[in-house]
């Protein structure tokens, strides 16, 4: 009897020890497993094995975001796996935003699968904003578009246009700046084809937008061009007037050059005349210097007497006196004339 009690006591001890060990192991296991997230997924009808949650936690991933996105995918009837969501989050994307963007695109009859949505999310970091731009049109303004009409009048145009994002062209299409450049180039070409600026001022939309093909302008763009309107038309430079001003300035410069040439020629002639006058004065002085020598030589040779020399001197003095008297008379006459004037 005692031996039987000892056997039952040993068995109970072993069983209690085993169950206690199992309970301890389970307790320690769930201490490391994000048990709250496990229960959240379980009660949401999205069973996730605990070892997968433990694996995600050990790899230092954001388990909460992964579980939230997985629950959202299941409730939205999206056939996504934990590995797909994990890959997106590891790349820096927001899986919940991607799923919400897919749901929003489906409600708006837009084609957007998970792979494209994930790629847009990873490239733009905001796939929801891109889907909204694909649903609601966006207005863009372009100002200061300048071109010259055929009458050489500069026309300055401002316009606005509406666009919607094409999700399937987001990764390969050109951006909004390129679409602006295309619209600007098209309007500039139409300005250059216009006969006169008056046609553009009277009917700007007809003159500048009548032949605009939306599909051609936005062919390589990630946006669809919805509509376009001219906001303002102003006039700028007038090349004809500028050319006339430039020609007048050129003629003025040519006239100044010709006048300067004539002035320089007159100055040259004046200098030449002065030079000739100085030469003649030099010759006169030279001739006058030779007179005394000739008189002296004539006296020595007996061809000219001393009395003839004195007569010559008297004649010169008499001539000088006459000139002085004539000069004084002229001055007195001029003074009398000035007095009569007053």
C-alpha atoms as a PDB file:
ATOM      1  CA  UNK A   1       0.000   0.000   0.000  1.00  0.00           C
ATOM      2  CA  UNK A   2       2.785   2.423   0.822  1.00  0.00           C
ATOM      3  CA  UNK A   3       4.621   1.510  -2.314  1.00  0.00           C
ATOM      4  CA  UNK A   4       1.454   2.215  -4.342  1.00  0.00           C
ATOM      5  CA  UNK A   5       1.138   5.635  -2.744  1.00  0.00           C
ATOM      6  CA  UNK A   6       4.756   6.323  -3.437  1.00  0.00           C
ATOM      7  CA  UNK A   7       4.186   5.440  -7.131  1.00  0.00           C
ATOM      8  CA  UNK A   8       1.143   7.734  -7.416  1.00  0.00           C
ATOM      9  CA  UNK A   9       3.027  10.520  -5.600  1.00  0.00           C
ATOM     10  CA  UNK A  10       6.010  10.243  -7.937  1.00  0.00           C
ATOM     11  CA  UNK A  11       3.744  10.276 -11.011  1.00  0.00           C
ATOM     12  CA  UNK A  12       1.930  13.380  -9.836  1.00  0.00           C
ATOM     13  CA  UNK A  13       5.215  15.103  -9.126  1.00  0.00           C
ATOM     14  CA  UNK A  14       6.493  14.269 -12.589  1.00  0.00           C
ATOM     15  CA  UNK A  15       3.277  15.436 -14.237  1.00  0.00           C
ATOM     16  CA  UNK A  16       3.247  18.662 -12.276  1.00  0.00           C
ATOM     17  CA  UNK A  17       6.895  19.228 -13.146  1.00  0.00           C
ATOM     18  CA  UNK A  18       6.279  18.609 -16.847  1.00  0.00           C
ATOM     19  CA  UNK A  19       3.211  20.851 -16.978  1.00  0.00           C
ATOM     20  CA  UNK A  20       5.040  23.494 -14.997  1.00  0.00           C
ATOM     21  CA  UNK A  21       7.981  23.358 -17.403  1.00  0.00           C
ATOM     22  CA  UNK A  22       5.651  23.585 -20.373  1.00  0.00           C
ATOM     23  CA  UNK A  23       3.844  26.534 -18.812  1.00  0.00           C
ATOM     24  CA  UNK A  24       7.135  28.247 -18.123  1.00  0.00           C
ATOM     25  CA  UNK A  25       8.301  27.694 -21.705  1.00  0.00           C
ATOM     26  CA  UNK A  26       4.996  28.993 -23.099  1.00  0.00           C
ATOM     27  CA  UNK A  27       5.164  31.982 -20.780  1.00  0.00           C
ATOM     28  CA  UNK A  28       8.716  32.801 -21.781  1.00  0.00           C
ATOM     29  CA  UNK A  29       7.839  32.298 -25.454  1.00  0.00           C
ATOM     30  CA  UNK A  30       4.978  34.760 -25.329  1.00  0.00           C
ATOM     31  CA  UNK A  31       7.125  37.199 -23.385  1.00  0.00           C
ATOM     32  CA  UNK A  32       9.215  37.548 -26.527  1.00  0.00           C
ATOM     33  CA  UNK A  33       6.319  37.253 -28.989  1.00  0.00           C
ATOM     34  CA  UNK A  34       4.321  40.519 -29.536  1.00  0.00           C
ATOM     35  CA  UNK A  35       1.283  38.879 -27.980  1.00  0.00           C
ATOM     36  CA  UNK A  36      -0.934  41.965 -28.199  1.00  0.00           C
ATOM     37  CA  UNK A  37      -0.445  42.169 -31.957  1.00  0.00           C
ATOM     38  CA  UNK A  38      -1.065  38.431 -32.202  1.00  0.00           C
ATOM     39  CA  UNK A  39      -4.412  38.842 -30.435  1.00  0.00           C
ATOM     40  CA  UNK A  40      -5.315  41.894 -32.559  1.00  0.00           C
ATOM     41  CA  UNK A  41      -4.768  39.910 -35.753  1.00  0.00           C
ATOM     42  CA  UNK A  42      -6.590  36.883 -34.344  1.00  0.00           C
ATOM     43  CA  UNK A  43      -9.687  38.827 -33.278  1.00  0.00           C
ATOM     44  CA  UNK A  44      -9.690  40.644 -36.642  1.00  0.00           C
ATOM     45  CA  UNK A  45      -9.999  37.302 -38.386  1.00  0.00           C
ATOM     46  CA  UNK A  46      -6.423  37.386 -39.704  1.00  0.00           C
ATOM     47  CA  UNK A  47      -4.526  34.577 -38.043  1.00  0.00           C
ATOM     48  CA  UNK A  48      -0.753  35.126 -38.043  1.00  0.00           C
ATOM     49  CA  UNK A  49       1.434  32.380 -36.588  1.00  0.00           C
ATOM     50  CA  UNK A  50       3.268  33.562 -33.489  1.00  0.00           C
ATOM     51  CA  UNK A  51       6.609  32.286 -34.744  1.00  0.00           C
ATOM     52  CA  UNK A  52       6.303  34.610 -37.777  1.00  0.00           C
ATOM     53  CA  UNK A  53       5.727  37.568 -35.482  1.00  0.00           C
ATOM     54  CA  UNK A  54       8.708  36.490 -33.408  1.00  0.00           C
ATOM     55  CA  UNK A  55      10.798  36.208 -36.581  1.00  0.00           C
ATOM     56  CA  UNK A  56       9.786  39.722 -37.661  1.00  0.00           C
ATOM     57  CA  UNK A  57      10.606  41.088 -34.220  1.00  0.00           C
ATOM     58  CA  UNK A  58      14.002  39.381 -34.122  1.00  0.00           C
ATOM     59  CA  UNK A  59      14.885  40.964 -37.495  1.00  0.00           C
ATOM     60  CA  UNK A  60      14.066  44.368 -35.970  1.00  0.00           C
ATOM     61  CA  UNK A  61      11.237  45.181 -38.376  1.00  0.00           C
ATOM     62  CA  UNK A  62       8.234  47.340 -37.558  1.00  0.00           C
ATOM     63  CA  UNK A  63       5.883  44.504 -36.591  1.00  0.00           C
ATOM     64  CA  UNK A  64       3.007  46.866 -35.743  1.00  0.00           C
ATOM     65  CA  UNK A  65       2.951  48.395 -39.251  1.00  0.00           C
ATOM     66  CA  UNK A  66       3.171  44.980 -40.893  1.00  0.00           C
ATOM     67  CA  UNK A  67       0.317  43.539 -38.834  1.00  0.00           C
ATOM     68  CA  UNK A  68      -1.850  46.664 -39.355  1.00  0.00           C
ATOM     69  CA  UNK A  69      -1.301  46.555 -43.110  1.00  0.00           C
ATOM     70  CA  UNK A  70      -2.024  42.806 -43.241  1.00  0.00           C
ATOM     71  CA  UNK A  71      -5.291  43.261 -41.335  1.00  0.00           C
ATOM     72  CA  UNK A  72      -6.265  46.142 -43.644  1.00  0.00           C
ATOM     73  CA  UNK A  73      -5.480  44.017 -46.719  1.00  0.00           C
ATOM     74  CA  UNK A  74      -7.588  41.108 -45.486  1.00  0.00           C
ATOM     75  CA  UNK A  75     -10.525  43.382 -44.644  1.00  0.00           C
ATOM     76  CA  UNK A  76     -10.218  44.960 -48.116  1.00  0.00           C
ATOM     77  CA  UNK A  77     -10.216  41.491 -49.754  1.00  0.00           C
ATOM     78  CA  UNK A  78      -6.695  41.987 -51.087  1.00  0.00           C
ATOM     79  CA  UNK A  79      -4.712  38.802 -51.554  1.00  0.00           C
ATOM     80  CA  UNK A  80      -1.458  39.986 -50.055  1.00  0.00           C
ATOM     81  CA  UNK A  81       1.064  37.977 -48.108  1.00  0.00           C
ATOM     82  CA  UNK A  82       3.153  39.003 -45.155  1.00  0.00           C
ATOM     83  CA  UNK A  83       6.262  38.714 -47.319  1.00  0.00           C
ATOM     84  CA  UNK A  84       4.908  41.289 -49.824  1.00  0.00           C
ATOM     85  CA  UNK A  85       4.062  43.728 -47.058  1.00  0.00           C
ATOM     86  CA  UNK A  86       7.390  43.087 -45.356  1.00  0.00           C
ATOM     87  CA  UNK A  87       9.314  43.772 -48.590  1.00  0.00           C
ATOM     88  CA  UNK A  88       7.508  47.084 -49.080  1.00  0.00           C
ATOM     89  CA  UNK A  89       8.134  48.263 -45.532  1.00  0.00           C
ATOM     90  CA  UNK A  90      11.791  47.203 -45.692  1.00  0.00           C
ATOM     91  CA  UNK A  91      12.137  49.428 -48.781  1.00  0.00           C
ATOM     92  CA  UNK A  92      10.871  52.433 -46.831  1.00  0.00           C
ATOM     93  CA  UNK A  93       7.262  52.424 -48.053  1.00  0.00           C
ATOM     94  CA  UNK A  94       4.005  52.682 -46.147  1.00  0.00           C
ATOM     95  CA  UNK A  95       1.978  49.526 -46.777  1.00  0.00           C
ATOM     96  CA  UNK A  96      -1.233  50.921 -45.268  1.00  0.00           C
ATOM     97  CA  UNK A  97      -1.050  53.929 -47.635  1.00  0.00           C
ATOM     98  CA  UNK A  98      -0.592  51.569 -50.573  1.00  0.00           C
ATOM     99  CA  UNK A  99      -3.664  49.516 -49.670  1.00  0.00           C
ATOM    100  CA  UNK A 100      -5.735  52.645 -49.056  1.00  0.00           C
ATOM    101  CA  UNK A 101      -4.587  54.028 -52.419  1.00  0.00           C
ATOM    102  CA  UNK A 102      -5.627  50.796 -54.170  1.00  0.00           C
ATOM    103  CA  UNK A 103      -9.052  50.953 -52.511  1.00  0.00           C
ATOM    104  CA  UNK A 104      -9.459  54.618 -53.503  1.00  0.00           C
ATOM    105  CA  UNK A 105      -8.430  53.838 -57.099  1.00  0.00           C
ATOM    106  CA  UNK A 106     -10.962  50.988 -57.307  1.00  0.00           C
ATOM    107  CA  UNK A 107     -13.758  53.287 -56.113  1.00  0.00           C
ATOM    108  CA  UNK A 108     -12.776  55.802 -58.833  1.00  0.00           C
ATOM    109  CA  UNK A 109     -12.549  53.116 -61.563  1.00  0.00           C
ATOM    110  CA  UNK A 110      -8.784  53.487 -61.913  1.00  0.00           C
ATOM    111  CA  UNK A 111      -6.479  50.564 -62.662  1.00  0.00           C
ATOM    112  CA  UNK A 112      -3.904  50.277 -59.897  1.00  0.00           C
ATOM    113  CA  UNK A 113      -2.437  46.949 -58.780  1.00  0.00           C
ATOM    114  CA  UNK A 114      -0.269  46.327 -55.755  1.00  0.00           C
ATOM    115  CA  UNK A 115       3.035  46.222 -57.646  1.00  0.00           C
ATOM    116  CA  UNK A 116       2.451  49.562 -59.381  1.00  0.00           C
ATOM    117  CA  UNK A 117       1.156  51.137 -56.175  1.00  0.00           C
ATOM    118  CA  UNK A 118       4.225  49.898 -54.296  1.00  0.00           C
ATOM    119  CA  UNK A 119       6.553  51.256 -56.974  1.00  0.00           C
ATOM    120  CA  UNK A 120       4.827  54.655 -56.880  1.00  0.00           C
ATOM    121  CA  UNK A 121       4.994  54.670 -53.074  1.00  0.00           C
ATOM    122  CA  UNK A 122       8.709  53.876 -53.060  1.00  0.00           C
ATOM    123  CA  UNK A 123       9.482  56.563 -55.663  1.00  0.00           C
ATOM    124  CA  UNK A 124       7.178  59.350 -54.474  1.00  0.00           C
ATOM    125  CA  UNK A 125       6.712  58.438 -50.769  1.00  0.00           C
ATOM    126  CA  UNK A 126       3.040  59.452 -51.123  1.00  0.00           C
ATOM    127  CA  UNK A 127       0.968  57.146 -53.327  1.00  0.00           C
ATOM    128  CA  UNK A 128      -2.284  58.508 -51.881  1.00  0.00           C
ATOM    129  CA  UNK A 129      -1.446  61.986 -53.170  1.00  0.00           C
ATOM    130  CA  UNK A 130      -0.729  60.564 -56.619  1.00  0.00           C
ATOM    131  CA  UNK A 131      -4.091  58.768 -56.707  1.00  0.00           C
ATOM    132  CA  UNK A 132      -5.846  61.981 -55.682  1.00  0.00           C
ATOM    133  CA  UNK A 133      -4.094  63.823 -58.540  1.00  0.00           C
ATOM    134  CA  UNK A 134      -5.333  61.087 -60.893  1.00  0.00           C
ATOM    135  CA  UNK A 135      -8.911  61.613 -59.660  1.00  0.00           C
ATOM    136  CA  UNK A 136      -9.090  65.402 -59.252  1.00  0.00           C
ATOM    137  CA  UNK A 137      -7.675  67.666 -61.980  1.00  0.00           C
ATOM    138  CA  UNK A 138      -4.915  70.112 -61.121  1.00  0.00           C
ATOM    139  CA  UNK A 139      -4.710  73.661 -62.514  1.00  0.00           C
ATOM    140  CA  UNK A 140      -1.309  74.932 -63.658  1.00  0.00           C
ATOM    141  CA  UNK A 141      -0.462  78.482 -64.772  1.00  0.00           C
ATOM    142  CA  UNK A 142       2.308  79.455 -67.188  1.00  0.00           C
ATOM    143  CA  UNK A 143       3.202  83.142 -67.547  1.00  0.00           C
ATOM    144  CA  UNK A 144       5.623  85.261 -69.579  1.00  0.00           C
ATOM    145  CA  UNK A 145       5.439  83.241 -72.808  1.00  0.00           C
ATOM    146  CA  UNK A 146       7.142  85.505 -75.355  1.00  0.00           C
ATOM    147  CA  UNK A 147       7.204  85.364 -79.136  1.00  0.00           C
ATOM    148  CA  UNK A 148       7.297  87.629 -82.217  1.00  0.00           C
ATOM    149  CA  UNK A 149       4.482  87.759 -84.746  1.00  0.00           C
ATOM    150  CA  UNK A 150       5.161  88.296 -88.424  1.00  0.00           C
ATOM    151  CA  UNK A 151       4.744  92.058 -88.048  1.00  0.00           C
ATOM    152  CA  UNK A 152       7.805  92.015 -85.736  1.00  0.00           C
ATOM    153  CA  UNK A 153       5.674  92.822 -82.666  1.00  0.00           C
ATOM    154  CA  UNK A 154       6.504  90.911 -79.485  1.00  0.00           C
ATOM    155  CA  UNK A 155       3.500  89.220 -77.815  1.00  0.00           C
ATOM    156  CA  UNK A 156       3.574  88.207 -74.128  1.00  0.00           C
ATOM    157  CA  UNK A 157       1.051  85.493 -73.223  1.00  0.00           C
ATOM    158  CA  UNK A 158      -0.120  83.910 -69.967  1.00  0.00           C
ATOM    159  CA  UNK A 159      -2.189  80.720 -69.887  1.00  0.00           C
ATOM    160  CA  UNK A 160      -3.598  78.078 -67.533  1.00  0.00           C
ATOM    161  CA  UNK A 161      -4.341  74.415 -68.155  1.00  0.00           C
ATOM    162  CA  UNK A 162      -5.814  71.472 -66.230  1.00  0.00           C
ATOM    163  CA  UNK A 163      -4.068  68.108 -65.901  1.00  0.00           C
ATOM    164  CA  UNK A 164      -4.696  64.680 -64.372  1.00  0.00           C
ATOM    165  CA  UNK A 165      -2.019  62.205 -63.403  1.00  0.00           C
ATOM    166  CA  UNK A 166      -1.746  58.967 -65.407  1.00  0.00           C
ATOM    167  CA  UNK A 167      -0.815  56.279 -62.866  1.00  0.00           C
ATOM    168  CA  UNK A 168       0.443  53.854 -65.512  1.00  0.00           C
ATOM    169  CA  UNK A 169       2.843  56.520 -66.859  1.00  0.00           C
ATOM    170  CA  UNK A 170       4.054  57.764 -63.469  1.00  0.00           C
ATOM    171  CA  UNK A 171       7.307  55.801 -63.497  1.00  0.00           C
ATOM    172  CA  UNK A 172       8.190  56.373 -67.170  1.00  0.00           C
ATOM    173  CA  UNK A 173       6.508  59.645 -68.190  1.00  0.00           C
ATOM    174  CA  UNK A 174       7.911  63.167 -68.166  1.00  0.00           C
ATOM    175  CA  UNK A 175       7.093  65.508 -65.292  1.00  0.00           C
ATOM    176  CA  UNK A 176       4.995  68.640 -65.031  1.00  0.00           C
ATOM    177  CA  UNK A 177       7.881  70.981 -65.934  1.00  0.00           C
ATOM    178  CA  UNK A 178       8.321  69.205 -69.263  1.00  0.00           C
ATOM    179  CA  UNK A 179       4.594  69.538 -69.976  1.00  0.00           C
ATOM    180  CA  UNK A 180       4.830  73.271 -69.230  1.00  0.00           C
ATOM    181  CA  UNK A 181       7.707  73.552 -71.699  1.00  0.00           C
ATOM    182  CA  UNK A 182       5.691  71.717 -74.380  1.00  0.00           C
ATOM    183  CA  UNK A 183       2.699  74.032 -73.933  1.00  0.00           C
ATOM    184  CA  UNK A 184       4.985  77.065 -73.994  1.00  0.00           C
ATOM    185  CA  UNK A 185       6.729  75.878 -77.177  1.00  0.00           C
ATOM    186  CA  UNK A 186       3.363  75.251 -78.891  1.00  0.00           C
ATOM    187  CA  UNK A 187       2.054  78.735 -78.059  1.00  0.00           C
ATOM    188  CA  UNK A 188       5.328  80.379 -79.157  1.00  0.00           C
ATOM    189  CA  UNK A 189       5.099  78.555 -82.487  1.00  0.00           C
ATOM    190  CA  UNK A 190       1.529  79.797 -82.990  1.00  0.00           C
ATOM    191  CA  UNK A 191       2.617  83.356 -82.166  1.00  0.00           C
ATOM    192  CA  UNK A 192       5.311  83.175 -84.834  1.00  0.00           C
ATOM    193  CA  UNK A 193       2.761  81.921 -87.380  1.00  0.00           C
ATOM    194  CA  UNK A 194       0.342  84.803 -86.704  1.00  0.00           C
ATOM    195  CA  UNK A 195       0.264  87.490 -89.388  1.00  0.00           C
ATOM    196  CA  UNK A 196      -0.140  90.356 -86.952  1.00  0.00           C
ATOM    197  CA  UNK A 197      -0.364  90.993 -83.241  1.00  0.00           C
ATOM    198  CA  UNK A 198      -3.833  92.540 -83.729  1.00  0.00           C
ATOM    199  CA  UNK A 199      -5.225  89.093 -84.626  1.00  0.00           C
ATOM    200  CA  UNK A 200      -3.926  87.683 -81.350  1.00  0.00           C
ATOM    201  CA  UNK A 201      -5.291  90.577 -79.318  1.00  0.00           C
ATOM    202  CA  UNK A 202      -8.760  90.311 -80.863  1.00  0.00           C
ATOM    203  CA  UNK A 203      -9.161  86.513 -80.581  1.00  0.00           C
ATOM    204  CA  UNK A 204      -6.341  85.023 -78.488  1.00  0.00           C
ATOM    205  CA  UNK A 205      -7.841  81.539 -77.974  1.00  0.00           C
ATOM    206  CA  UNK A 206      -8.571  81.133 -81.680  1.00  0.00           C
ATOM    207  CA  UNK A 207      -5.183  82.460 -82.787  1.00  0.00           C
ATOM    208  CA  UNK A 208      -3.075  80.501 -80.291  1.00  0.00           C
ATOM    209  CA  UNK A 209      -5.043  77.351 -79.376  1.00  0.00           C
ATOM    210  CA  UNK A 210      -7.122  76.448 -82.431  1.00  0.00           C
ATOM    211  CA  UNK A 211      -4.735  73.762 -83.699  1.00  0.00           C
ATOM    212  CA  UNK A 212      -3.426  72.569 -80.317  1.00  0.00           C
ATOM    213  CA  UNK A 213      -3.566  68.751 -80.074  1.00  0.00           C
ATOM    214  CA  UNK A 214      -3.722  67.663 -76.417  1.00  0.00           C
ATOM    215  CA  UNK A 215      -2.588  64.102 -77.160  1.00  0.00           C
ATOM    216  CA  UNK A 216       0.515  65.319 -79.011  1.00  0.00           C
ATOM    217  CA  UNK A 217       1.492  67.872 -76.369  1.00  0.00           C
ATOM    218  CA  UNK A 218       1.121  65.347 -73.498  1.00  0.00           C
ATOM    219  CA  UNK A 219       2.267  62.285 -75.429  1.00  0.00           C
ATOM    220  CA  UNK A 220       5.344  61.481 -73.312  1.00  0.00           C
ATOM    221  CA  UNK A 221       4.080  63.078 -70.113  1.00  0.00           C
ATOM    222  CA  UNK A 222       2.788  61.392 -66.962  1.00  0.00           C
ATOM    223  CA  UNK A 223      -0.153  63.822 -67.091  1.00  0.00           C
ATOM    224  CA  UNK A 224      -3.235  64.027 -69.283  1.00  0.00           C
ATOM    225  CA  UNK A 225      -3.952  67.526 -70.608  1.00  0.00           C
ATOM    226  CA  UNK A 226      -7.642  68.234 -69.929  1.00  0.00           C
ATOM    227  CA  UNK A 227      -8.127  71.819 -71.163  1.00  0.00           C
ATOM    228  CA  UNK A 228      -6.232  75.054 -71.685  1.00  0.00           C
ATOM    229  CA  UNK A 229      -7.184  78.736 -71.759  1.00  0.00           C
ATOM    230  CA  UNK A 230      -5.405  82.030 -72.424  1.00  0.00           C
ATOM    231  CA  UNK A 231      -5.293  84.269 -69.348  1.00  0.00           C
ATOM    232  CA  UNK A 232      -3.593  87.421 -70.665  1.00  0.00           C
ATOM    233  CA  UNK A 233      -2.092  88.896 -73.824  1.00  0.00           C
ATOM    234  CA  UNK A 234       0.248  91.910 -73.744  1.00  0.00           C
ATOM    235  CA  UNK A 235       2.509  93.609 -76.277  1.00  0.00           C
ATOM    236  CA  UNK A 236       6.237  93.931 -75.739  1.00  0.00           C
ATOM    237  CA  UNK A 237       9.040  95.055 -77.991  1.00  0.00           C
ATOM    238  CA  UNK A 238       8.455  96.373 -81.512  1.00  0.00           C
ATOM    239  CA  UNK A 239      11.335  95.308 -83.740  1.00  0.00           C
ATOM    240  CA  UNK A 240      10.341  97.708 -86.536  1.00  0.00           C
ATOM    241  CA  UNK A 241      10.548 100.705 -84.211  1.00  0.00           C
ATOM    242  CA  UNK A 242      13.784  99.423 -82.733  1.00  0.00           C
ATOM    243  CA  UNK A 243      15.273  98.997 -86.210  1.00  0.00           C
ATOM    244  CA  UNK A 244      14.257 102.539 -87.155  1.00  0.00           C
ATOM    245  CA  UNK A 245      15.872 103.872 -84.003  1.00  0.00           C
ATOM    246  CA  UNK A 246      19.020 101.859 -84.696  1.00  0.00           C
ATOM    247  CA  UNK A 247      19.153 103.120 -88.298  1.00  0.00           C
ATOM    248  CA  UNK A 248      18.708 106.715 -87.139  1.00  0.00           C
ATOM    249  CA  UNK A 249      21.504 106.230 -84.632  1.00  0.00           C
ATOM    250  CA  UNK A 250      23.726 104.768 -87.353  1.00  0.00           C
ATOM    251  CA  UNK A 251      23.024 107.717 -89.670  1.00  0.00           C
ATOM    252  CA  UNK A 252      23.763 110.099 -86.833  1.00  0.00           C
ATOM    253  CA  UNK A 253      27.076 108.361 -86.178  1.00  0.00           C
ATOM    254  CA  UNK A 254      27.961 108.456 -89.920  1.00  0.00           C
ATOM    255  CA  UNK A 255      27.129 112.182 -90.062  1.00  0.00           C
ATOM    256  CA  UNK A 256      29.275 112.843 -87.001  1.00  0.00           C
ATOM    257  CA  UNK A 257      32.134 110.913 -88.623  1.00  0.00           C
ATOM    258  CA  UNK A 258      31.814 112.915 -91.865  1.00  0.00           C
ATOM    259  CA  UNK A 259      31.703 116.200 -89.930  1.00  0.00           C
ATOM    260  CA  UNK A 260      34.755 115.154 -87.973  1.00  0.00           C
ATOM    261  CA  UNK A 261      36.541 114.307 -91.226  1.00  0.00           C
ATOM    262  CA  UNK A 262      35.709 117.736 -92.719  1.00  0.00           C
ATOM    263  CA  UNK A 263      36.828 119.440 -89.521  1.00  0.00           C
ATOM    264  CA  UNK A 264      40.110 117.545 -89.574  1.00  0.00           C
ATOM    265  CA  UNK A 265      40.630 118.429 -93.251  1.00  0.00           C
ATOM    266  CA  UNK A 266      40.063 122.146 -92.519  1.00  0.00           C
ATOM    267  CA  UNK A 267      42.514 121.969 -89.652  1.00  0.00           C
ATOM    268  CA  UNK A 268      45.072 120.284 -91.901  1.00  0.00           C
ATOM    269  CA  UNK A 269      44.620 122.963 -94.573  1.00  0.00           C
ATOM    270  CA  UNK A 270      44.936 125.703 -91.969  1.00  0.00           C
ATOM    271  CA  UNK A 271      48.140 124.155 -90.665  1.00  0.00           C
ATOM    272  CA  UNK A 272      49.490 123.909 -94.224  1.00  0.00           C
ATOM    273  CA  UNK A 273      48.654 127.592 -94.897  1.00  0.00           C
ATOM    274  CA  UNK A 274      50.369 128.606 -91.681  1.00  0.00           C
ATOM    275  CA  UNK A 275      53.382 126.584 -92.666  1.00  0.00           C
ATOM    276  CA  UNK A 276      53.487 128.252 -96.104  1.00  0.00           C
ATOM    277  CA  UNK A 277      53.087 131.700 -94.508  1.00  0.00           C
ATOM    278  CA  UNK A 278      55.969 130.987 -92.167  1.00  0.00           C
ATOM    279  CA  UNK A 279      58.072 129.822 -95.093  1.00  0.00           C
ATOM    280  CA  UNK A 280      57.304 133.044 -97.019  1.00  0.00           C
ATOM    281  CA  UNK A 281      58.077 135.129 -93.944  1.00  0.00           C
ATOM    282  CA  UNK A 282      61.356 133.296 -93.663  1.00  0.00           C
ATOM    283  CA  UNK A 283      62.182 134.008 -97.266  1.00  0.00           C
ATOM    284  CA  UNK A 284      61.301 137.717 -96.804  1.00  0.00           C
ATOM    285  CA  UNK A 285      63.514 137.943 -93.735  1.00  0.00           C
ATOM    286  CA  UNK A 286      66.250 136.190 -95.614  1.00  0.00           C
ATOM    287  CA  UNK A 287      65.898 138.621 -98.506  1.00  0.00           C
ATOM    288  CA  UNK A 288      65.845 141.610 -96.122  1.00  0.00           C
ATOM    289  CA  UNK A 289      68.997 140.292 -94.471  1.00  0.00           C
ATOM    290  CA  UNK A 290      70.742 140.269 -97.856  1.00  0.00           C
ATOM    291  CA  UNK A 291      69.890 143.971 -98.577  1.00  0.00           C
ATOM    292  CA  UNK A 292      72.550 145.533 -96.250  1.00  0.00           C
ATOM    293  CA  UNK A 293      75.144 143.151 -97.620  1.00  0.00           C
ATOM    294  CA  UNK A 294      74.264 144.132-101.205  1.00  0.00           C
ATOM    295  CA  UNK A 295      74.389 147.859-100.341  1.00  0.00           C
ATOM    296  CA  UNK A 296      77.761 147.443 -98.672  1.00  0.00           C
ATOM    297  CA  UNK A 297      79.104 145.529-101.638  1.00  0.00           C
ATOM    298  CA  UNK A 298      77.751 148.190-104.054  1.00  0.00           C
ATOM    299  CA  UNK A 299      79.382 151.003-102.046  1.00  0.00           C
ATOM    300  CA  UNK A 300      82.686 149.131-102.093  1.00  0.00           C
ATOM    301  CA  UNK A 301      82.485 148.651-105.811  1.00  0.00           C
ATOM    302  CA  UNK A 302      81.489 152.302-106.383  1.00  0.00           C
ATOM    303  CA  UNK A 303      78.113 151.469-107.850  1.00  0.00           C
ATOM    304  CA  UNK A 304      76.303 153.085-104.901  1.00  0.00           C
ATOM    305  CA  UNK A 305      77.418 156.222-103.100  1.00  0.00           C
ATOM    306  CA  UNK A 306      76.976 157.184 -99.458  1.00  0.00           C
ATOM    307  CA  UNK A 307      74.599 159.984-100.493  1.00  0.00           C
ATOM    308  CA  UNK A 308      72.462 157.472-102.339  1.00  0.00           C
ATOM    309  CA  UNK A 309      72.357 155.404 -99.135  1.00  0.00           C
ATOM    310  CA  UNK A 310      71.209 158.416 -97.064  1.00  0.00           C
ATOM    311  CA  UNK A 311      68.567 159.211 -99.673  1.00  0.00           C
ATOM    312  CA  UNK A 312      67.358 155.625 -99.400  1.00  0.00           C
ATOM    313  CA  UNK A 313      67.194 155.861 -95.614  1.00  0.00           C
ATOM    314  CA  UNK A 314      65.258 159.130 -95.825  1.00  0.00           C
ATOM    315  CA  UNK A 315      62.863 157.521 -98.289  1.00  0.00           C
ATOM    316  CA  UNK A 316      62.264 154.630 -95.911  1.00  0.00           C
ATOM    317  CA  UNK A 317      61.683 156.976 -92.980  1.00  0.00           C
ATOM    318  CA  UNK A 318      59.320 159.097 -95.055  1.00  0.00           C
ATOM    319  CA  UNK A 319      57.390 155.939 -96.098  1.00  0.00           C
ATOM    320  CA  UNK A 320      57.133 154.771 -92.478  1.00  0.00           C
ATOM    321  CA  UNK A 321      55.876 158.195 -91.407  1.00  0.00           C
ATOM    322  CA  UNK A 322      53.225 158.187 -94.123  1.00  0.00           C
ATOM    323  CA  UNK A 323      52.059 154.732 -93.065  1.00  0.00           C
ATOM    324  CA  UNK A 324      51.807 155.852 -89.428  1.00  0.00           C
ATOM    325  CA  UNK A 325      49.782 158.926 -90.392  1.00  0.00           C
ATOM    326  CA  UNK A 326      47.410 156.828 -92.529  1.00  0.00           C
ATOM    327  CA  UNK A 327      46.968 154.349 -89.693  1.00  0.00           C
ATOM    328  CA  UNK A 328      46.163 157.140 -87.189  1.00  0.00           C
ATOM    329  CA  UNK A 329      43.603 158.631 -89.585  1.00  0.00           C
ATOM    330  CA  UNK A 330      41.867 155.293 -89.973  1.00  0.00           C
ATOM    331  CA  UNK A 331      41.666 154.851 -86.212  1.00  0.00           C
ATOM    332  CA  UNK A 332      40.222 158.353 -85.735  1.00  0.00           C
ATOM    333  CA  UNK A 333      37.614 157.673 -88.453  1.00  0.00           C
ATOM    334  CA  UNK A 334      36.534 154.455 -86.785  1.00  0.00           C
ATOM    335  CA  UNK A 335      36.170 156.235 -83.411  1.00  0.00           C
ATOM    336  CA  UNK A 336      34.013 158.931 -85.063  1.00  0.00           C
ATOM    337  CA  UNK A 337      31.798 156.277 -86.594  1.00  0.00           C
ATOM    338  CA  UNK A 338      31.264 154.608 -83.216  1.00  0.00           C
ATOM    339  CA  UNK A 339      30.336 157.999 -81.703  1.00  0.00           C
ATOM    340  CA  UNK A 340      27.757 158.576 -84.471  1.00  0.00           C
ATOM    341  CA  UNK A 341      26.199 155.245 -83.707  1.00  0.00           C
ATOM    342  CA  UNK A 342      25.562 156.277 -80.152  1.00  0.00           C
END
